[in-house]
């Protein structure tokens, strides 16, 4: 099937095409239909979901860092470095 001239690419491509043809036969659809589902619908959907989750978590982390920098007294790790208050007279 594949004819790129690079053995490992040809073997991998042929194996993947055979896998898709077999999966399409089991599902009762054609090779072209399973290709569209995988590479036009499912693949881009997973990629977009991953990008959206990354943006969400990056914003949440930045918001958390801003909050911790705004009030250092609420940071439990800095409690040990506070100066003791002098006794009142």
N, C-alpha and C. Protein backbone atom coordinates (compact mmCIF):
# COMPACT_ATOMS: atom_id res chain seq x y z
N UNK A 1 0.83 -1.20 0.00
CA UNK A 1 0.00 0.00 0.00
C UNK A 1 0.87 1.26 0.00
N UNK A 2 1.60 1.47 1.11
CA UNK A 2 2.42 2.67 1.20
C UNK A 2 3.67 2.50 0.36
N UNK A 3 4.18 3.61 -0.17
CA UNK A 3 5.35 3.54 -1.03
C UNK A 3 6.20 4.80 -0.84
N UNK A 4 6.56 5.08 0.41
CA UNK A 4 7.36 6.28 0.67
C UNK A 4 8.85 6.03 0.49
N UNK A 5 9.25 4.76 0.54
CA UNK A 5 10.66 4.43 0.44
C UNK A 5 11.33 4.33 1.80
N UNK A 6 10.61 4.67 2.86
CA UNK A 6 11.13 4.55 4.22
C UNK A 6 10.38 3.39 4.86
N UNK A 7 11.12 2.33 5.16
CA UNK A 7 10.51 1.07 5.57
C UNK A 7 9.60 1.20 6.77
N UNK A 8 10.07 1.83 7.84
CA UNK A 8 9.27 1.87 9.07
C UNK A 8 8.00 2.69 8.88
N UNK A 9 8.04 3.72 8.03
CA UNK A 9 6.84 4.51 7.74
C UNK A 9 5.85 3.67 6.94
N UNK A 10 6.36 2.96 5.93
CA UNK A 10 5.48 2.12 5.12
C UNK A 10 4.82 1.02 5.95
N UNK A 11 5.58 0.37 6.83
CA UNK A 11 5.04 -0.70 7.67
C UNK A 11 3.98 -0.14 8.62
N UNK A 12 4.30 1.00 9.26
CA UNK A 12 3.35 1.62 10.20
C UNK A 12 2.08 2.04 9.49
N UNK A 13 2.22 2.68 8.33
CA UNK A 13 1.05 3.12 7.57
C UNK A 13 0.19 1.94 7.15
N UNK A 14 0.82 0.91 6.62
CA UNK A 14 0.06 -0.28 6.19
C UNK A 14 -0.68 -0.92 7.36
N UNK A 15 -0.02 -1.00 8.52
CA UNK A 15 -0.64 -1.59 9.71
C UNK A 15 -1.86 -0.76 10.13
N UNK A 16 -1.71 0.58 10.12
CA UNK A 16 -2.82 1.46 10.53
C UNK A 16 -3.99 1.37 9.55
N UNK A 17 -3.70 1.33 8.26
CA UNK A 17 -4.77 1.21 7.27
C UNK A 17 -5.51 -0.11 7.45
N UNK A 18 -4.77 -1.20 7.66
CA UNK A 18 -5.41 -2.50 7.88
C UNK A 18 -6.28 -2.46 9.13
N UNK A 19 -5.78 -1.83 10.19
CA UNK A 19 -6.56 -1.70 11.42
C UNK A 19 -7.86 -0.93 11.18
N UNK A 20 -7.77 0.18 10.43
CA UNK A 20 -8.97 0.97 10.13
C UNK A 20 -9.95 0.20 9.25
N UNK A 21 -9.43 -0.53 8.27
CA UNK A 21 -10.31 -1.31 7.39
C UNK A 21 -11.02 -2.39 8.20
N UNK A 22 -10.29 -3.07 9.09
CA UNK A 22 -10.91 -4.10 9.93
C UNK A 22 -11.94 -3.50 10.88
N UNK A 23 -11.60 -2.36 11.50
CA UNK A 23 -12.53 -1.70 12.42
C UNK A 23 -13.78 -1.23 11.68
N UNK A 24 -13.60 -0.71 10.47
CA UNK A 24 -14.75 -0.27 9.68
C UNK A 24 -15.64 -1.46 9.33
N UNK A 25 -15.03 -2.60 9.01
CA UNK A 25 -15.82 -3.79 8.70
C UNK A 25 -16.62 -4.27 9.90
N UNK A 26 -16.01 -4.21 11.09
CA UNK A 26 -16.72 -4.62 12.30
C UNK A 26 -17.88 -3.68 12.59
N UNK A 27 -17.68 -2.39 12.35
CA UNK A 27 -18.72 -1.39 12.65
C UNK A 27 -19.76 -1.28 11.55
N UNK A 28 -19.50 -1.88 10.41
CA UNK A 28 -20.46 -1.82 9.31
C UNK A 28 -20.43 -0.51 8.54
N UNK A 29 -19.27 0.15 8.54
CA UNK A 29 -19.11 1.40 7.78
C UNK A 29 -17.91 1.24 6.85
N UNK A 30 -17.69 2.22 5.99
CA UNK A 30 -16.57 2.12 5.05
C UNK A 30 -15.31 2.71 5.67
N UNK A 31 -14.19 2.43 5.02
CA UNK A 31 -12.89 2.97 5.44
C UNK A 31 -12.92 4.50 5.41
N UNK A 32 -13.55 5.06 4.39
CA UNK A 32 -13.62 6.52 4.26
C UNK A 32 -14.43 7.13 5.40
N UNK A 33 -15.53 6.48 5.77
CA UNK A 33 -16.36 6.99 6.87
C UNK A 33 -15.61 6.98 8.19
N UNK A 34 -14.91 5.89 8.48
CA UNK A 34 -14.17 5.84 9.74
C UNK A 34 -13.03 6.86 9.73
N UNK A 35 -12.45 7.10 8.57
CA UNK A 35 -11.41 8.12 8.44
C UNK A 35 -11.96 9.51 8.77
N UNK A 36 -13.14 9.81 8.23
CA UNK A 36 -13.77 11.11 8.51
C UNK A 36 -14.08 11.24 9.99
N UNK A 37 -14.66 10.19 10.57
CA UNK A 37 -14.97 10.25 12.00
C UNK A 37 -13.72 10.49 12.84
N UNK A 38 -12.65 9.77 12.55
CA UNK A 38 -11.44 9.90 13.35
C UNK A 38 -10.70 11.21 13.15
N UNK A 39 -10.48 11.59 11.90
CA UNK A 39 -9.57 12.69 11.61
C UNK A 39 -10.25 14.03 11.31
N UNK A 40 -11.56 14.02 11.15
CA UNK A 40 -12.28 15.28 10.90
C UNK A 40 -13.17 15.65 12.08
N UNK A 41 -13.69 14.66 12.80
CA UNK A 41 -14.63 14.94 13.89
C UNK A 41 -13.99 14.68 15.26
N UNK A 42 -13.55 13.46 15.52
CA UNK A 42 -13.07 13.10 16.86
C UNK A 42 -11.72 13.74 17.18
N UNK A 43 -10.75 13.63 16.29
CA UNK A 43 -9.42 14.19 16.54
C UNK A 43 -9.44 15.68 16.83
N UNK A 44 -10.04 16.50 15.95
CA UNK A 44 -10.10 17.93 16.23
C UNK A 44 -10.91 18.28 17.48
N UNK A 45 -11.96 17.49 17.77
CA UNK A 45 -12.75 17.74 18.99
C UNK A 45 -11.90 17.53 20.24
N UNK A 46 -11.11 16.45 20.26
CA UNK A 46 -10.24 16.19 21.41
C UNK A 46 -9.18 17.28 21.51
N UNK A 47 -8.63 17.70 20.39
CA UNK A 47 -7.62 18.77 20.40
C UNK A 47 -8.20 20.07 20.95
N UNK A 48 -9.40 20.45 20.51
CA UNK A 48 -10.01 21.69 21.00
C UNK A 48 -10.34 21.58 22.49
N UNK A 49 -10.82 20.43 22.93
CA UNK A 49 -11.10 20.25 24.36
C UNK A 49 -9.82 20.37 25.17
N UNK A 50 -8.74 19.81 24.67
CA UNK A 50 -7.45 19.89 25.37
C UNK A 50 -6.96 21.34 25.44
N UNK A 51 -7.08 22.07 24.36
CA UNK A 51 -6.67 23.48 24.34
C UNK A 51 -7.50 24.28 25.33
N UNK A 52 -8.81 24.07 25.33
CA UNK A 52 -9.69 24.80 26.26
C UNK A 52 -9.36 24.47 27.71
N UNK A 53 -9.10 23.20 28.02
CA UNK A 53 -8.73 22.83 29.38
C UNK A 53 -7.40 23.44 29.79
N UNK A 54 -6.44 23.48 28.87
CA UNK A 54 -5.15 24.11 29.18
C UNK A 54 -5.33 25.58 29.49
N UNK A 55 -6.12 26.28 28.70
CA UNK A 55 -6.37 27.71 28.94
C UNK A 55 -7.05 27.89 30.28
N UNK A 56 -8.04 27.06 30.59
CA UNK A 56 -8.75 27.15 31.86
C UNK A 56 -7.80 26.98 33.03
N UNK A 57 -6.97 25.93 32.99
CA UNK A 57 -6.07 25.66 34.11
C UNK A 57 -4.97 26.71 34.22
N UNK A 58 -4.49 27.24 33.10
CA UNK A 58 -3.48 28.30 33.15
C UNK A 58 -4.06 29.57 33.77
N UNK A 59 -5.29 29.91 33.40
CA UNK A 59 -5.94 31.09 33.99
C UNK A 59 -6.20 30.89 35.47
N UNK A 60 -6.64 29.68 35.85
CA UNK A 60 -6.89 29.40 37.26
C UNK A 60 -5.61 29.48 38.08
N UNK A 61 -4.51 28.98 37.53
CA UNK A 61 -3.23 29.04 38.23
C UNK A 61 -2.75 30.48 38.36
N UNK A 62 -2.90 31.27 37.29
CA UNK A 62 -2.49 32.68 37.35
C UNK A 62 -3.33 33.44 38.36
N UNK A 63 -4.62 33.15 38.41
CA UNK A 63 -5.50 33.80 39.37
C UNK A 63 -5.10 33.43 40.80
N UNK A 64 -4.75 32.17 41.01
CA UNK A 64 -4.32 31.71 42.32
C UNK A 64 -3.00 32.38 42.74
N UNK A 65 -2.08 32.54 41.80
CA UNK A 65 -0.81 33.20 42.11
C UNK A 65 -1.02 34.67 42.43
N UNK A 66 -1.90 35.33 41.69
CA UNK A 66 -2.19 36.75 41.97
C UNK A 66 -2.78 36.90 43.36
N UNK A 67 -3.66 35.98 43.72
CA UNK A 67 -4.30 36.04 45.03
C UNK A 67 -3.28 35.83 46.14
N UNK A 68 -2.34 34.91 45.96
CA UNK A 68 -1.36 34.64 47.01
C UNK A 68 -0.35 35.78 47.11
N UNK A 69 -0.06 36.49 46.03
CA UNK A 69 0.86 37.63 46.08
C UNK A 69 0.18 38.85 46.67
N UNK A 70 -1.12 38.92 46.56
CA UNK A 70 -1.84 40.09 47.06
C UNK A 70 -1.88 40.11 48.58
N UNK A 71 -1.93 38.96 49.22
CA UNK A 71 -2.00 38.93 50.68
C UNK A 71 -0.98 37.92 51.22
N UNK A 72 0.27 38.35 51.35
CA UNK A 72 1.30 37.41 51.81
C UNK A 72 1.10 36.98 53.25
N UNK A 73 0.34 37.74 54.04
CA UNK A 73 0.13 37.35 55.44
C UNK A 73 -0.72 36.08 55.55
N UNK A 74 -1.47 35.77 54.50
CA UNK A 74 -2.29 34.57 54.54
C UNK A 74 -1.51 33.33 54.10
N UNK A 75 -0.26 33.51 53.72
CA UNK A 75 0.56 32.39 53.28
C UNK A 75 1.12 31.67 54.50
N UNK A 76 0.78 30.41 54.73
CA UNK A 76 1.24 29.71 55.94
C UNK A 76 2.75 29.49 55.95
N UNK A 77 3.39 29.49 54.80
CA UNK A 77 4.83 29.28 54.76
C UNK A 77 5.60 30.51 55.24
N UNK A 78 4.98 31.68 55.19
CA UNK A 78 5.65 32.89 55.64
C UNK A 78 5.44 33.14 57.13
N UNK A 79 4.57 32.40 57.77
CA UNK A 79 4.30 32.60 59.19
C UNK A 79 5.56 32.39 60.03
N UNK A 80 6.41 31.46 59.63
CA UNK A 80 7.62 31.17 60.39
C UNK A 80 8.64 32.30 60.32
N UNK A 81 8.52 33.16 59.31
CA UNK A 81 9.50 34.23 59.13
C UNK A 81 9.03 35.58 59.68
N UNK A 82 7.90 35.61 60.33
CA UNK A 82 7.40 36.86 60.89
C UNK A 82 8.24 37.26 62.10
N UNK A 83 8.43 38.55 62.27
CA UNK A 83 9.14 39.05 63.45
C UNK A 83 8.23 38.96 64.67
N UNK A 84 8.79 38.57 65.79
CA UNK A 84 7.94 38.55 66.99
C UNK A 84 7.61 39.98 67.40
N UNK A 85 6.42 40.17 67.90
CA UNK A 85 6.03 41.52 68.34
C UNK A 85 6.67 41.80 69.69
N UNK A 86 7.21 43.00 69.85
CA UNK A 86 7.85 43.34 71.13
C UNK A 86 6.80 43.46 72.23
N UNK A 87 7.18 43.16 73.44
CA UNK A 87 6.21 43.27 74.54
C UNK A 87 5.81 44.72 74.76
N UNK A 88 4.57 44.92 75.09
CA UNK A 88 4.10 46.29 75.32
C UNK A 88 4.49 46.75 76.72
N UNK A 89 4.69 48.05 76.85
CA UNK A 89 5.09 48.63 78.14
C UNK A 89 3.94 49.08 78.94
